[in-house]
Amino acid sequence: VIDAALTPNNHDYQVRCAVRDGRVVGYVCYGPTPMTAGTFDLYWIASDPLVRGQGVGAALVSAMEGDIRR
């Protein structure tokens, strides 16, 4: 899924990553729901167990929501 999201001209998936100290500690993958207008699906959200409870997931969801609003 992440490889597909990183493909140029991909319009199916969006991926946002959380990075701390140069290391990816979480990501969210989402995209528009096919055959709908203004509807999105959250496909994956994940965080490293070492950073759980530290707001990584909340920050990723917030970033996704901001992207969708724009």
PDB file of N, CA and C in Angstrom:
ATOM      1  N   VAL A   1       0.834  -1.189   0.000  1.00  0.00           N
ATOM      2  CA  VAL A   1       0.000   0.000   0.000  1.00  0.00           C
ATOM      3  C   VAL A   1       0.875   1.247   0.000  1.00  0.00           C
ATOM      4  N   ILE A   2       1.912   1.261   0.832  1.00  0.00           N
ATOM      5  CA  ILE A   2       2.770   2.442   0.891  1.00  0.00           C
ATOM      6  C   ILE A   2       3.511   2.628  -0.425  1.00  0.00           C
ATOM      7  N   ASP A   3       3.988   1.544  -1.029  1.00  0.00           N
ATOM      8  CA  ASP A   3       4.641   1.652  -2.329  1.00  0.00           C
ATOM      9  C   ASP A   3       3.696   2.261  -3.352  1.00  0.00           C
ATOM     10  N   ALA A   4       2.436   1.848  -3.353  1.00  0.00           N
ATOM     11  CA  ALA A   4       1.458   2.393  -4.290  1.00  0.00           C
ATOM     12  C   ALA A   4       1.237   3.879  -4.029  1.00  0.00           C
ATOM     13  N   ALA A   5       1.205   4.270  -2.772  1.00  0.00           N
ATOM     14  CA  ALA A   5       0.988   5.668  -2.425  1.00  0.00           C
ATOM     15  C   ALA A   5       2.148   6.552  -2.867  1.00  0.00           C
ATOM     16  N   LEU A   6       3.331   5.977  -2.916  1.00  0.00           N
ATOM     17  CA  LEU A   6       4.508   6.746  -3.307  1.00  0.00           C
ATOM     18  C   LEU A   6       4.732   6.784  -4.812  1.00  0.00           C
ATOM     19  N   THR A   7       3.902   6.072  -5.573  1.00  0.00           N
ATOM     20  CA  THR A   7       4.003   6.057  -7.023  1.00  0.00           C
ATOM     21  C   THR A   7       3.578   7.416  -7.574  1.00  0.00           C
ATOM     22  N   PRO A   8       4.376   8.004  -8.482  1.00  0.00           N
ATOM     23  CA  PRO A   8       3.983   9.292  -9.063  1.00  0.00           C
ATOM     24  C   PRO A   8       2.590   9.210  -9.704  1.00  0.00           C
ATOM     25  N   ASN A   9       1.854  10.308  -9.598  1.00  0.00           N
ATOM     26  CA  ASN A   9       0.509  10.426 -10.168  1.00  0.00           C
ATOM     27  C   ASN A   9      -0.496   9.470  -9.545  1.00  0.00           C
ATOM     28  N   ASN A  10      -0.221   8.986  -8.366  1.00  0.00           N
ATOM     29  CA  ASN A  10      -1.174   8.127  -7.663  1.00  0.00           C
ATOM     30  C   ASN A  10      -2.257   9.007  -7.045  1.00  0.00           C
ATOM     31  N   HIS A  11      -3.517   8.651  -7.275  1.00  0.00           N
ATOM     32  CA  HIS A  11      -4.621   9.412  -6.711  1.00  0.00           C
ATOM     33  C   HIS A  11      -5.488   8.543  -5.805  1.00  0.00           C
ATOM     34  N   ASP A  12      -5.073   7.295  -5.598  1.00  0.00           N
ATOM     35  CA  ASP A  12      -5.867   6.382  -4.787  1.00  0.00           C
ATOM     36  C   ASP A  12      -5.544   6.468  -3.303  1.00  0.00           C
ATOM     37  N   TYR A  13      -4.270   6.645  -2.957  1.00  0.00           N
ATOM     38  CA  TYR A  13      -3.851   6.612  -1.566  1.00  0.00           C
ATOM     39  C   TYR A  13      -3.035   7.844  -1.222  1.00  0.00           C
ATOM     40  N   GLN A  14      -3.189   8.292  -0.001  1.00  0.00           N
ATOM     41  CA  GLN A  14      -2.332   9.331   0.571  1.00  0.00           C
ATOM     42  C   GLN A  14      -1.704   8.735   1.820  1.00  0.00           C
ATOM     43  N   VAL A  15      -0.435   9.004   2.027  1.00  0.00           N
ATOM     44  CA  VAL A  15       0.254   8.505   3.213  1.00  0.00           C
ATOM     45  C   VAL A  15       0.958   9.675   3.892  1.00  0.00           C
ATOM     46  N   ARG A  16       0.795   9.778   5.188  1.00  0.00           N
ATOM     47  CA  ARG A  16       1.517  10.746   6.000  1.00  0.00           C
ATOM     48  C   ARG A  16       2.267   9.964   7.059  1.00  0.00           C
ATOM     49  N   CYS A  17       3.528  10.327   7.275  1.00  0.00           N
ATOM     50  CA  CYS A  17       4.367   9.615   8.242  1.00  0.00           C
ATOM     51  C   CYS A  17       4.730  10.536   9.400  1.00  0.00           C
ATOM     52  N   ALA A  18       4.855   9.943  10.565  1.00  0.00           N
ATOM     53  CA  ALA A  18       5.364  10.639  11.746  1.00  0.00           C
ATOM     54  C   ALA A  18       6.822  10.231  11.910  1.00  0.00           C
ATOM     55  N   VAL A  19       7.680  11.218  12.055  1.00  0.00           N
ATOM     56  CA  VAL A  19       9.117  10.955  12.149  1.00  0.00           C
ATOM     57  C   VAL A  19       9.657  11.594  13.430  1.00  0.00           C
ATOM     58  N   ARG A  20      10.421  10.828  14.153  1.00  0.00           N
ATOM     59  CA  ARG A  20      11.124  11.322  15.348  1.00  0.00           C
ATOM     60  C   ARG A  20      12.578  10.896  15.262  1.00  0.00           C
ATOM     61  N   ASP A  21      13.445  11.844  15.473  1.00  0.00           N
ATOM     62  CA  ASP A  21      14.892  11.568  15.453  1.00  0.00           C
ATOM     63  C   ASP A  21      15.298  10.828  14.185  1.00  0.00           C
ATOM     64  N   GLY A  22      14.708  11.219  13.048  1.00  0.00           N
ATOM     65  CA  GLY A  22      15.068  10.628  11.764  1.00  0.00           C
ATOM     66  C   GLY A  22      14.505   9.240  11.513  1.00  0.00           C
ATOM     67  N   ARG A  23      13.569   8.802  12.351  1.00  0.00           N
ATOM     68  CA  ARG A  23      13.020   7.454  12.237  1.00  0.00           C
ATOM     69  C   ARG A  23      11.497   7.531  12.126  1.00  0.00           C
ATOM     70  N   VAL A  24      10.929   6.766  11.196  1.00  0.00           N
ATOM     71  CA  VAL A  24       9.471   6.710  11.061  1.00  0.00           C
ATOM     72  C   VAL A  24       8.912   5.966  12.264  1.00  0.00           C
ATOM     73  N   VAL A  25       7.984   6.624  12.986  1.00  0.00           N
ATOM     74  CA  VAL A  25       7.394   6.016  14.176  1.00  0.00           C
ATOM     75  C   VAL A  25       5.898   5.767  14.008  1.00  0.00           C
ATOM     76  N   GLY A  26       5.360   6.166  12.845  1.00  0.00           N
ATOM     77  CA  GLY A  26       3.947   5.908  12.587  1.00  0.00           C
ATOM     78  C   GLY A  26       3.566   6.385  11.204  1.00  0.00           C
ATOM     79  N   TYR A  27       2.411   5.924  10.744  1.00  0.00           N
ATOM     80  CA  TYR A  27       1.902   6.393   9.461  1.00  0.00           C
ATOM     81  C   TYR A  27       0.387   6.236   9.423  1.00  0.00           C
ATOM     82  N   VAL A  28      -0.211   7.010   8.525  1.00  0.00           N
ATOM     83  CA  VAL A  28      -1.637   6.914   8.249  1.00  0.00           C
ATOM     84  C   VAL A  28      -1.777   6.830   6.726  1.00  0.00           C
ATOM     85  N   CYS A  29      -2.670   5.967   6.275  1.00  0.00           N
ATOM     86  CA  CYS A  29      -2.936   5.796   4.851  1.00  0.00           C
ATOM     87  C   CYS A  29      -4.434   5.973   4.629  1.00  0.00           C
ATOM     88  N   TYR A  30      -4.798   6.840   3.715  1.00  0.00           N
ATOM     89  CA  TYR A  30      -6.206   7.140   3.465  1.00  0.00           C
ATOM     90  C   TYR A  30      -6.382   7.539   2.004  1.00  0.00           C
ATOM     91  N   GLY A  31      -7.618   7.629   1.572  1.00  0.00           N
ATOM     92  CA  GLY A  31      -7.881   8.051   0.204  1.00  0.00           C
ATOM     93  C   GLY A  31      -9.354   8.212  -0.055  1.00  0.00           C
ATOM     94  N   PRO A  32      -9.662   8.805  -1.200  1.00  0.00           N
ATOM     95  CA  PRO A  32     -11.067   9.014  -1.542  1.00  0.00           C
ATOM     96  C   PRO A  32     -11.779   7.685  -1.758  1.00  0.00           C
ATOM     97  N   THR A  33     -13.034   7.631  -1.325  1.00  0.00           N
ATOM     98  CA  THR A  33     -13.853   6.436  -1.530  1.00  0.00           C
ATOM     99  C   THR A  33     -14.324   6.428  -2.978  1.00  0.00           C
ATOM    100  N   PRO A  34     -14.058   5.350  -3.708  1.00  0.00           N
ATOM    101  CA  PRO A  34     -14.481   5.299  -5.115  1.00  0.00           C
ATOM    102  C   PRO A  34     -15.990   5.511  -5.270  1.00  0.00           C
ATOM    103  N   MET A  35     -16.352   6.180  -6.347  1.00  0.00           N
ATOM    104  CA  MET A  35     -17.737   6.412  -6.752  1.00  0.00           C
ATOM    105  C   MET A  35     -18.518   7.234  -5.731  1.00  0.00           C
ATOM    106  N   THR A  36     -17.817   8.102  -4.979  1.00  0.00           N
ATOM    107  CA  THR A  36     -18.479   9.023  -4.045  1.00  0.00           C
ATOM    108  C   THR A  36     -17.900  10.406  -4.251  1.00  0.00           C
ATOM    109  N   ALA A  37     -18.566  11.382  -3.708  1.00  0.00           N
ATOM    110  CA  ALA A  37     -18.070  12.759  -3.744  1.00  0.00           C
ATOM    111  C   ALA A  37     -17.821  13.219  -2.311  1.00  0.00           C
ATOM    112  N   GLY A  38     -16.579  13.559  -2.014  1.00  0.00           N
ATOM    113  CA  GLY A  38     -16.266  14.099  -0.701  1.00  0.00           C
ATOM    114  C   GLY A  38     -16.222  13.091   0.432  1.00  0.00           C
ATOM    115  N   THR A  39     -16.089  11.808   0.111  1.00  0.00           N
ATOM    116  CA  THR A  39     -16.009  10.767   1.136  1.00  0.00           C
ATOM    117  C   THR A  39     -14.624  10.119   1.073  1.00  0.00           C
ATOM    118  N   PHE A  40     -14.046   9.874   2.246  1.00  0.00           N
ATOM    119  CA  PHE A  40     -12.708   9.286   2.311  1.00  0.00           C
ATOM    120  C   PHE A  40     -12.714   8.059   3.211  1.00  0.00           C
ATOM    121  N   ASP A  41     -11.799   7.142   2.928  1.00  0.00           N
ATOM    122  CA  ASP A  41     -11.597   5.958   3.760  1.00  0.00           C
ATOM    123  C   ASP A  41     -10.248   6.063   4.462  1.00  0.00           C
ATOM    124  N   LEU A  42     -10.222   5.700   5.728  1.00  0.00           N
ATOM    125  CA  LEU A  42      -8.980   5.538   6.477  1.00  0.00           C
ATOM    126  C   LEU A  42      -8.623   4.066   6.364  1.00  0.00           C
ATOM    127  N   TYR A  43      -7.552   3.768   5.617  1.00  0.00           N
ATOM    128  CA  TYR A  43      -7.185   2.377   5.376  1.00  0.00           C
ATOM    129  C   TYR A  43      -6.323   1.807   6.497  1.00  0.00           C
ATOM    130  N   TRP A  44      -5.310   2.557   6.881  1.00  0.00           N
ATOM    131  CA  TRP A  44      -4.374   2.069   7.903  1.00  0.00           C
ATOM    132  C   TRP A  44      -3.925   3.223   8.772  1.00  0.00           C
ATOM    133  N   ILE A  45      -3.751   2.959  10.034  1.00  0.00           N
ATOM    134  CA  ILE A  45      -3.040   3.863  10.930  1.00  0.00           C
ATOM    135  C   ILE A  45      -2.227   2.971  11.864  1.00  0.00           C
ATOM    136  N   ALA A  46      -0.955   3.289  12.004  1.00  0.00           N
ATOM    137  CA  ALA A  46      -0.077   2.440  12.807  1.00  0.00           C
ATOM    138  C   ALA A  46       0.975   3.310  13.489  1.00  0.00           C
ATOM    139  N   SER A  47       1.405   2.855  14.655  1.00  0.00           N
ATOM    140  CA  SER A  47       2.502   3.530  15.336  1.00  0.00           C
ATOM    141  C   SER A  47       3.384   2.490  16.012  1.00  0.00           C
ATOM    142  N   ASP A  48       4.624   2.861  16.170  1.00  0.00           N
ATOM    143  CA  ASP A  48       5.588   2.008  16.854  1.00  0.00           C
ATOM    144  C   ASP A  48       5.123   1.832  18.302  1.00  0.00           C
ATOM    145  N   PRO A  49       5.134   0.614  18.816  1.00  0.00           N
ATOM    146  CA  PRO A  49       4.714   0.403  20.213  1.00  0.00           C
ATOM    147  C   PRO A  49       5.492   1.261  21.215  1.00  0.00           C
ATOM    148  N   LEU A  50       6.714   1.647  20.873  1.00  0.00           N
ATOM    149  CA  LEU A  50       7.523   2.444  21.793  1.00  0.00           C
ATOM    150  C   LEU A  50       7.006   3.869  21.953  1.00  0.00           C
ATOM    151  N   VAL A  51       6.167   4.347  21.015  1.00  0.00           N
ATOM    152  CA  VAL A  51       5.659   5.717  21.113  1.00  0.00           C
ATOM    153  C   VAL A  51       4.152   5.766  21.341  1.00  0.00           C
ATOM    154  N   ARG A  52       3.541   4.637  21.563  1.00  0.00           N
ATOM    155  CA  ARG A  52       2.101   4.636  21.805  1.00  0.00           C
ATOM    156  C   ARG A  52       1.788   5.403  23.075  1.00  0.00           C
ATOM    157  N   GLY A  53       0.682   6.137  23.046  1.00  0.00           N
ATOM    158  CA  GLY A  53       0.286   6.958  24.183  1.00  0.00           C
ATOM    159  C   GLY A  53       0.985   8.306  24.227  1.00  0.00           C
ATOM    160  N   GLN A  54       1.777   8.621  23.189  1.00  0.00           N
ATOM    161  CA  GLN A  54       2.517   9.881  23.153  1.00  0.00           C
ATOM    162  C   GLN A  54       1.954  10.861  22.126  1.00  0.00           C
ATOM    163  N   GLY A  55       0.757  10.579  21.586  1.00  0.00           N
ATOM    164  CA  GLY A  55       0.108  11.513  20.672  1.00  0.00           C
ATOM    165  C   GLY A  55       0.433  11.355  19.204  1.00  0.00           C
ATOM    166  N   VAL A  56       1.189  10.320  18.855  1.00  0.00           N
ATOM    167  CA  VAL A  56       1.552  10.116  17.453  1.00  0.00           C
ATOM    168  C   VAL A  56       0.307   9.847  16.612  1.00  0.00           C
ATOM    169  N   GLY A  57      -0.540   8.940  17.055  1.00  0.00           N
ATOM    170  CA  GLY A  57      -1.759   8.622  16.308  1.00  0.00           C
ATOM    171  C   GLY A  57      -2.670   9.825  16.172  1.00  0.00           C
ATOM    172  N   ALA A  58      -2.839  10.577  17.239  1.00  0.00           N
ATOM    173  CA  ALA A  58      -3.680  11.777  17.204  1.00  0.00           C
ATOM    174  C   ALA A  58      -3.128  12.800  16.214  1.00  0.00           C
ATOM    175  N   ALA A  59      -1.819  12.966  16.180  1.00  0.00           N
ATOM    176  CA  ALA A  59      -1.208  13.908  15.242  1.00  0.00           C
ATOM    177  C   ALA A  59      -1.406  13.451  13.797  1.00  0.00           C
ATOM    178  N   LEU A  60      -1.307  12.145  13.568  1.00  0.00           N
ATOM    179  CA  LEU A  60      -1.518  11.624  12.223  1.00  0.00           C
ATOM    180  C   LEU A  60      -2.967  11.827  11.771  1.00  0.00           C
ATOM    181  N   VAL A  61      -3.912  11.562  12.650  1.00  0.00           N
ATOM    182  CA  VAL A  61      -5.321  11.769  12.304  1.00  0.00           C
ATOM    183  C   VAL A  61      -5.586  13.243  12.051  1.00  0.00           C
ATOM    184  N   SER A  62      -5.012  14.110  12.862  1.00  0.00           N
ATOM    185  CA  SER A  62      -5.183  15.540  12.675  1.00  0.00           C
ATOM    186  C   SER A  62      -4.628  15.998  11.321  1.00  0.00           C
ATOM    187  N   ALA A  63      -3.444  15.484  10.951  1.00  0.00           N
ATOM    188  CA  ALA A  63      -2.852  15.821   9.652  1.00  0.00           C
ATOM    189  C   ALA A  63      -3.738  15.332   8.512  1.00  0.00           C
ATOM    190  N   MET A  64      -4.275  14.118   8.640  1.00  0.00           N
ATOM    191  CA  MET A  64      -5.166  13.568   7.623  1.00  0.00           C
ATOM    192  C   MET A  64      -6.412  14.438   7.491  1.00  0.00           C
ATOM    193  N   GLU A  65      -7.003  14.801   8.611  1.00  0.00           N
ATOM    194  CA  GLU A  65      -8.215  15.638   8.583  1.00  0.00           C
ATOM    195  C   GLU A  65      -7.942  16.980   7.916  1.00  0.00           C
ATOM    196  N   GLY A  66      -6.783  17.569   8.195  1.00  0.00           N
ATOM    197  CA  GLY A  66      -6.415  18.834   7.552  1.00  0.00           C
ATOM    198  C   GLY A  66      -6.279  18.684   6.051  1.00  0.00           C
ATOM    199  N   ASP A  67      -5.639  17.604   5.618  1.00  0.00           N
ATOM    200  CA  ASP A  67      -5.497  17.344   4.174  1.00  0.00           C
ATOM    201  C   ASP A  67      -6.869  17.190   3.520  1.00  0.00           C
ATOM    202  N   ILE A  68      -7.744  16.453   4.157  1.00  0.00           N
ATOM    203  CA  ILE A  68      -9.072  16.211   3.578  1.00  0.00           C
ATOM    204  C   ILE A  68      -9.872  17.516   3.506  1.00  0.00           C
ATOM    205  N   ARG A  69      -9.785  18.340   4.540  1.00  0.00           N
ATOM    206  CA  ARG A  69     -10.498  19.630   4.516  1.00  0.00           C
ATOM    207  C   ARG A  69     -10.030  20.518   3.366  1.00  0.00           C
ATOM    208  N   ARG A  70      -8.719  20.483   3.085  1.00  0.00           N
ATOM    209  CA  ARG A  70      -8.182  21.292   1.987  1.00  0.00           C
ATOM    210  C   ARG A  70      -8.638  20.744   0.671  1.00  0.00           C
TER     211      ARG A  70
END
